[in-house]
Each structure stands twice: as structure tokens, then as C-alpha cells.
Amino acid sequence: MYLIDKGCDTRLDRPYYGTPFPLRVETGNLWEDLVVLNLRALGVEAYRPRQIFPKKDKKLYGLLQRDILIKLNRTRRLVVEVKARRDPWRFPNVLVGDVASFNKKMFTIGAIVIADSLTGDCRVAPAGDMSEWLTVQSKALSYSIPLHLFSPLDAFADAVLDGAFD
């Protein structure tokens, strides 16, 4: 288990539903920054790409936005999606997003980081092979990842540094 120290920043524990889109983006950005800082502390060359989108264009944002990039070599980057959830480990699967939005993304996602917004616990699941992912009916048809596919953030960092994603 790798814990992110979120300090006393209450913006990191906003509920997703009912929160306006700009505030959801701000909360997501804060979590992405924390994950990047922790990956760097573990020796991984991670960064958030500079991206500018029209303020209210949710569709374009969903298609093109990338949370974190990890430098694998001079030309290759691993795209990492970051999701913050309240107590995500209490169920046998973790909901990661609706199928339609996820499948429309223009960039291939290599891994998904799930951060527990209450404790800061971060775990990572590979996203390249989605054969073990489940589809479940939530507010929309959504992808759900079984808990056994998740590993601690430091184990993910070791795998990246060992060349597992090259």
C-alpha cells in the first residue's frame, strides 16, 4: 500500500456527482499532481502534460485530456489515468468510468491509478489488457476493475523502472 499525504486540503474529497464540472476538473488536477509527486519520489519520470481546452467543452476534454505521462524512453510515453474514489476497496471491483467515454479516448491508457480520497491509499491496475475488466450498469454502462488486478504504487514504479512497459 502506498499512501499519498493529502494534508488538510479538503478539495481532495469533493463528491463527484453534484459537483460542477470545473470543480471536478480542479479536484482531479490536485490528485494528478499528488500522484506525479509521489511517482517522482519513487524515481519515475512522470509529469502532467500542458493541455488547454475551452472552459466548457466537456466533450473535447474527455476525448483528448491525459492525466499523467510517464517517460519510458526518448520517444515513448505511458498514459496514466488517475481516479479518486471514496473508500474504493470496500467492494470486489472498482468503478473506473463509463464505457462510451472510456472507449472514445484518443490516447491508449496504459495504467489506472485509483486513489482513496479518504485515506490517500493509491493502487494501480494495468489498462492495456482489459480482458479481465467487467462491465456493470451504474448510472451508465461502466467499466469495473477487479481488486486482484491492483498493485501498490511503489510496485508499479518498480515495474516502470524495470522496463515492464517498454
C-alpha atoms as a PDB file:
ATOM      1  CA  MET A   1       0.000   0.000   0.000  1.00  0.00           C
ATOM      2  CA  TYR A   2       1.306   3.461  -0.849  1.00  0.00           C
ATOM      3  CA  LEU A   3      -0.315   6.408   0.860  1.00  0.00           C
ATOM      4  CA  ILE A   4      -0.412   9.908  -0.505  1.00  0.00           C
ATOM      5  CA  ASP A   5      -0.261  12.587   2.149  1.00  0.00           C
ATOM      6  CA  LYS A   6      -3.088  14.870   1.131  1.00  0.00           C
ATOM      7  CA  GLY A   7      -2.595  17.102   4.154  1.00  0.00           C
ATOM      8  CA  CYS A   8      -5.661  19.074   5.123  1.00  0.00           C
ATOM      9  CA  ASP A   9      -6.715  20.055   1.597  1.00  0.00           C
ATOM     10  CA  THR A  10     -10.472  19.450   1.744  1.00  0.00           C
ATOM     11  CA  ARG A  11     -10.788  19.985  -2.017  1.00  0.00           C
ATOM     12  CA  LEU A  12      -9.392  16.476  -2.467  1.00  0.00           C
ATOM     13  CA  ASP A  13     -12.504  14.877  -1.002  1.00  0.00           C
ATOM     14  CA  ARG A  14     -15.266  16.522  -3.035  1.00  0.00           C
ATOM     15  CA  PRO A  15     -18.127  14.233  -4.110  1.00  0.00           C
ATOM     16  CA  TYR A  16     -18.148  13.605  -7.871  1.00  0.00           C
ATOM     17  CA  TYR A  17     -21.868  13.690  -8.570  1.00  0.00           C
ATOM     18  CA  GLY A  18     -23.482  17.033  -7.926  1.00  0.00           C
ATOM     19  CA  THR A  19     -20.155  18.884  -8.182  1.00  0.00           C
ATOM     20  CA  PRO A  20     -19.911  21.293 -11.163  1.00  0.00           C
ATOM     21  CA  PHE A  21     -17.570  20.242 -13.979  1.00  0.00           C
ATOM     22  CA  PRO A  22     -14.897  22.947 -13.334  1.00  0.00           C
ATOM     23  CA  LEU A  23     -14.608  21.877  -9.686  1.00  0.00           C
ATOM     24  CA  ARG A  24     -14.378  18.198 -10.686  1.00  0.00           C
ATOM     25  CA  VAL A  25     -11.522  19.121 -13.044  1.00  0.00           C
ATOM     26  CA  GLU A  26      -9.783  21.100 -10.281  1.00  0.00           C
ATOM     27  CA  THR A  27     -10.084  18.168  -7.857  1.00  0.00           C
ATOM     28  CA  GLY A  28      -8.772  15.772 -10.491  1.00  0.00           C
ATOM     29  CA  ASN A  29      -5.823  18.066 -11.181  1.00  0.00           C
ATOM     30  CA  LEU A  30      -4.926  18.133  -7.488  1.00  0.00           C
ATOM     31  CA  TRP A  31      -4.919  14.314  -7.305  1.00  0.00           C
ATOM     32  CA  GLU A  32      -2.874  14.091 -10.508  1.00  0.00           C
ATOM     33  CA  ASP A  33      -0.294  16.487  -9.043  1.00  0.00           C
ATOM     34  CA  LEU A  34      -0.018  14.380  -5.886  1.00  0.00           C
ATOM     35  CA  VAL A  35       0.402  11.152  -7.841  1.00  0.00           C
ATOM     36  CA  VAL A  36       3.083  12.754 -10.050  1.00  0.00           C
ATOM     37  CA  LEU A  37       4.993  13.988  -6.996  1.00  0.00           C
ATOM     38  CA  ASN A  38       4.916  10.535  -5.447  1.00  0.00           C
ATOM     39  CA  LEU A  39       5.953   8.770  -8.667  1.00  0.00           C
ATOM     40  CA  ARG A  40       8.877  11.193  -8.977  1.00  0.00           C
ATOM     41  CA  ALA A  41       9.843  10.467  -5.363  1.00  0.00           C
ATOM     42  CA  LEU A  42       9.951   6.782  -6.369  1.00  0.00           C
ATOM     43  CA  GLY A  43      12.307   7.581  -9.264  1.00  0.00           C
ATOM     44  CA  VAL A  44       9.789   7.584 -12.143  1.00  0.00           C
ATOM     45  CA  GLU A  45       9.934  10.375 -14.735  1.00  0.00           C
ATOM     46  CA  ALA A  46       6.267  11.391 -14.537  1.00  0.00           C
ATOM     47  CA  TYR A  47       4.634  14.677 -15.474  1.00  0.00           C
ATOM     48  CA  ARG A  48       1.312  16.269 -16.288  1.00  0.00           C
ATOM     49  CA  PRO A  49       1.177  17.449 -19.898  1.00  0.00           C
ATOM     50  CA  ARG A  50       0.293  21.068 -20.579  1.00  0.00           C
ATOM     51  CA  GLN A  51      -3.194  20.983 -22.044  1.00  0.00           C
ATOM     52  CA  ILE A  52      -5.557  23.861 -22.692  1.00  0.00           C
ATOM     53  CA  PHE A  53      -9.206  23.233 -23.503  1.00  0.00           C
ATOM     54  CA  PRO A  54     -12.164  25.565 -23.965  1.00  0.00           C
ATOM     55  CA  LYS A  55     -13.622  26.049 -20.477  1.00  0.00           C
ATOM     56  CA  LYS A  56     -16.986  24.416 -21.023  1.00  0.00           C
ATOM     57  CA  ASP A  57     -16.134  21.822 -23.688  1.00  0.00           C
ATOM     58  CA  LYS A  58     -16.592  18.576 -21.746  1.00  0.00           C
ATOM     59  CA  LYS A  59     -16.681  16.507 -24.955  1.00  0.00           C
ATOM     60  CA  LEU A  60     -13.286  17.675 -26.239  1.00  0.00           C
ATOM     61  CA  TYR A  61     -11.825  17.417 -22.744  1.00  0.00           C
ATOM     62  CA  GLY A  62     -12.974  13.799 -22.432  1.00  0.00           C
ATOM     63  CA  LEU A  63     -11.533  12.830 -25.812  1.00  0.00           C
ATOM     64  CA  LEU A  64      -8.115  14.445 -25.605  1.00  0.00           C
ATOM     65  CA  GLN A  65      -7.253  15.008 -21.951  1.00  0.00           C
ATOM     66  CA  ARG A  66      -4.434  12.923 -20.467  1.00  0.00           C
ATOM     67  CA  ASP A  67      -3.848  12.866 -16.721  1.00  0.00           C
ATOM     68  CA  ILE A  68      -0.208  11.795 -16.380  1.00  0.00           C
ATOM     69  CA  LEU A  69       2.533  10.827 -18.793  1.00  0.00           C
ATOM     70  CA  ILE A  70       5.460   8.643 -17.785  1.00  0.00           C
ATOM     71  CA  LYS A  71       8.621   8.860 -19.827  1.00  0.00           C
ATOM     72  CA  LEU A  72       9.601   5.335 -20.901  1.00  0.00           C
ATOM     73  CA  ASN A  73      12.380   6.349 -23.301  1.00  0.00           C
ATOM     74  CA  ARG A  74      13.270   9.257 -25.585  1.00  0.00           C
ATOM     75  CA  THR A  75      10.103   8.942 -27.668  1.00  0.00           C
ATOM     76  CA  ARG A  76       7.590   6.756 -25.791  1.00  0.00           C
ATOM     77  CA  ARG A  77       5.232   7.806 -23.009  1.00  0.00           C
ATOM     78  CA  LEU A  78       2.840   5.752 -20.882  1.00  0.00           C
ATOM     79  CA  VAL A  79      -0.551   7.418 -20.375  1.00  0.00           C
ATOM     80  CA  VAL A  80      -1.826   7.014 -16.815  1.00  0.00           C
ATOM     81  CA  GLU A  81      -5.399   7.794 -15.800  1.00  0.00           C
ATOM     82  CA  VAL A  82      -5.996   8.940 -12.197  1.00  0.00           C
ATOM     83  CA  LYS A  83      -9.316   8.397 -10.410  1.00  0.00           C
ATOM     84  CA  ALA A  84     -10.106   9.410  -6.835  1.00  0.00           C
ATOM     85  CA  ARG A  85     -12.814   7.428  -5.100  1.00  0.00           C
ATOM     86  CA  ARG A  86     -14.196   7.358  -1.571  1.00  0.00           C
ATOM     87  CA  ASP A  87     -13.285   4.044   0.050  1.00  0.00           C
ATOM     88  CA  PRO A  88     -12.850   2.201  -3.283  1.00  0.00           C
ATOM     89  CA  TRP A  89     -11.518  -1.038  -1.743  1.00  0.00           C
ATOM     90  CA  ARG A  90     -14.742  -1.944   0.105  1.00  0.00           C
ATOM     91  CA  PHE A  91     -16.190  -3.718  -2.953  1.00  0.00           C
ATOM     92  CA  PRO A  92     -14.679  -6.564  -5.001  1.00  0.00           C
ATOM     93  CA  ASN A  93     -14.411  -4.256  -8.060  1.00  0.00           C
ATOM     94  CA  VAL A  94     -13.578  -0.581  -8.584  1.00  0.00           C
ATOM     95  CA  LEU A  95     -15.706   1.502 -10.954  1.00  0.00           C
ATOM     96  CA  VAL A  96     -13.442   3.435 -13.348  1.00  0.00           C
ATOM     97  CA  GLY A  97     -15.782   5.169 -15.745  1.00  0.00           C
ATOM     98  CA  ASP A  98     -18.495   4.766 -18.318  1.00  0.00           C
ATOM     99  CA  VAL A  99     -17.772   2.537 -21.298  1.00  0.00           C
ATOM    100  CA  ALA A 100     -18.764   5.040 -24.001  1.00  0.00           C
ATOM    101  CA  SER A 101     -16.491   7.822 -22.697  1.00  0.00           C
ATOM    102  CA  PHE A 102     -13.584   5.486 -21.986  1.00  0.00           C
ATOM    103  CA  ASN A 103     -13.695   3.908 -25.459  1.00  0.00           C
ATOM    104  CA  LYS A 104     -13.760   7.312 -27.198  1.00  0.00           C
ATOM    105  CA  LYS A 105     -10.449   8.465 -25.712  1.00  0.00           C
ATOM    106  CA  MET A 106      -7.932   9.363 -28.402  1.00  0.00           C
ATOM    107  CA  PHE A 107      -4.939   8.035 -26.444  1.00  0.00           C
ATOM    108  CA  THR A 108      -4.325   4.492 -25.263  1.00  0.00           C
ATOM    109  CA  ILE A 109      -4.311   4.349 -21.476  1.00  0.00           C
ATOM    110  CA  GLY A 110      -1.543   2.148 -20.076  1.00  0.00           C
ATOM    111  CA  ALA A 111      -2.482   2.177 -16.387  1.00  0.00           C
ATOM    112  CA  ILE A 112      -5.113   3.465 -13.995  1.00  0.00           C
ATOM    113  CA  VAL A 113      -4.305   4.844 -10.552  1.00  0.00           C
ATOM    114  CA  ILE A 114      -7.128   4.709  -8.032  1.00  0.00           C
ATOM    115  CA  ALA A 115      -6.651   6.980  -5.020  1.00  0.00           C
ATOM    116  CA  ASP A 116      -8.789   6.587  -1.922  1.00  0.00           C
ATOM    117  CA  SER A 117      -9.915  10.179  -1.319  1.00  0.00           C
ATOM    118  CA  LEU A 118     -10.399   9.478   2.388  1.00  0.00           C
ATOM    119  CA  THR A 119      -7.042   7.846   3.194  1.00  0.00           C
ATOM    120  CA  GLY A 120      -4.734   8.657   0.258  1.00  0.00           C
ATOM    121  CA  ASP A 121      -4.132   4.941  -0.436  1.00  0.00           C
ATOM    122  CA  CYS A 122      -3.111   4.579  -4.105  1.00  0.00           C
ATOM    123  CA  ARG A 123      -3.113   1.420  -6.172  1.00  0.00           C
ATOM    124  CA  VAL A 124      -2.537   0.839  -9.871  1.00  0.00           C
ATOM    125  CA  ALA A 125      -4.091  -1.503 -12.426  1.00  0.00           C
ATOM    126  CA  PRO A 126      -2.718  -2.073 -15.916  1.00  0.00           C
ATOM    127  CA  ALA A 127      -5.104  -0.858 -18.611  1.00  0.00           C
ATOM    128  CA  GLY A 128      -3.501  -2.366 -21.697  1.00  0.00           C
ATOM    129  CA  ASP A 129      -5.274  -5.715 -21.389  1.00  0.00           C
ATOM    130  CA  MET A 130      -8.897  -5.111 -20.470  1.00  0.00           C
ATOM    131  CA  SER A 131      -9.898  -8.773 -20.820  1.00  0.00           C
ATOM    132  CA  GLU A 132     -10.417  -9.144 -17.054  1.00  0.00           C
ATOM    133  CA  TRP A 133     -12.345  -5.900 -16.700  1.00  0.00           C
ATOM    134  CA  LEU A 134     -16.079  -6.108 -16.088  1.00  0.00           C
ATOM    135  CA  THR A 135     -18.920  -4.027 -17.475  1.00  0.00           C
ATOM    136  CA  VAL A 136     -21.584  -3.119 -14.936  1.00  0.00           C
ATOM    137  CA  GLN A 137     -24.683  -0.991 -15.006  1.00  0.00           C
ATOM    138  CA  SER A 138     -24.177   2.062 -12.798  1.00  0.00           C
ATOM    139  CA  LYS A 139     -25.501   5.480 -13.816  1.00  0.00           C
ATOM    140  CA  ALA A 140     -24.388   4.312 -17.273  1.00  0.00           C
ATOM    141  CA  LEU A 141     -22.789   1.121 -18.563  1.00  0.00           C
ATOM    142  CA  SER A 142     -19.379   1.333 -16.868  1.00  0.00           C
ATOM    143  CA  TYR A 143     -16.056  -0.440 -16.634  1.00  0.00           C
ATOM    144  CA  SER A 144     -15.158  -2.004 -13.315  1.00  0.00           C
ATOM    145  CA  ILE A 145     -11.756  -3.489 -12.418  1.00  0.00           C
ATOM    146  CA  PRO A 146     -11.465  -6.450 -10.010  1.00  0.00           C
ATOM    147  CA  LEU A 147      -9.360  -5.712  -6.917  1.00  0.00           C
ATOM    148  CA  HIS A 148      -6.889  -8.513  -7.629  1.00  0.00           C
ATOM    149  CA  LEU A 149      -5.593  -6.545 -10.655  1.00  0.00           C
ATOM    150  CA  PHE A 150      -4.425  -3.644  -8.490  1.00  0.00           C
ATOM    151  CA  SER A 151      -0.927  -3.317  -7.078  1.00  0.00           C
ATOM    152  CA  PRO A 152       0.634  -0.686  -4.778  1.00  0.00           C
ATOM    153  CA  LEU A 153       2.036   2.492  -6.321  1.00  0.00           C
ATOM    154  CA  ASP A 154       5.617   1.589  -5.359  1.00  0.00           C
ATOM    155  CA  ALA A 155       5.325  -1.827  -7.076  1.00  0.00           C
ATOM    156  CA  PHE A 156       4.060  -0.044 -10.210  1.00  0.00           C
ATOM    157  CA  ALA A 157       7.013   2.356 -10.032  1.00  0.00           C
ATOM    158  CA  ASP A 158       9.403  -0.600  -9.772  1.00  0.00           C
ATOM    159  CA  ALA A 159       7.781  -2.207 -12.823  1.00  0.00           C
ATOM    160  CA  VAL A 160       8.152   1.015 -14.829  1.00  0.00           C
ATOM    161  CA  LEU A 161      11.799   1.378 -13.812  1.00  0.00           C
ATOM    162  CA  ASP A 162      12.444  -2.294 -14.669  1.00  0.00           C
ATOM    163  CA  GLY A 163      11.126  -1.705 -18.214  1.00  0.00           C
ATOM    164  CA  ALA A 164       7.868  -3.681 -17.920  1.00  0.00           C
ATOM    165  CA  PHE A 165       6.024  -1.121 -20.076  1.00  0.00           C
ATOM    166  CA  ASP A 166       8.662  -0.648 -22.792  1.00  0.00           C
END
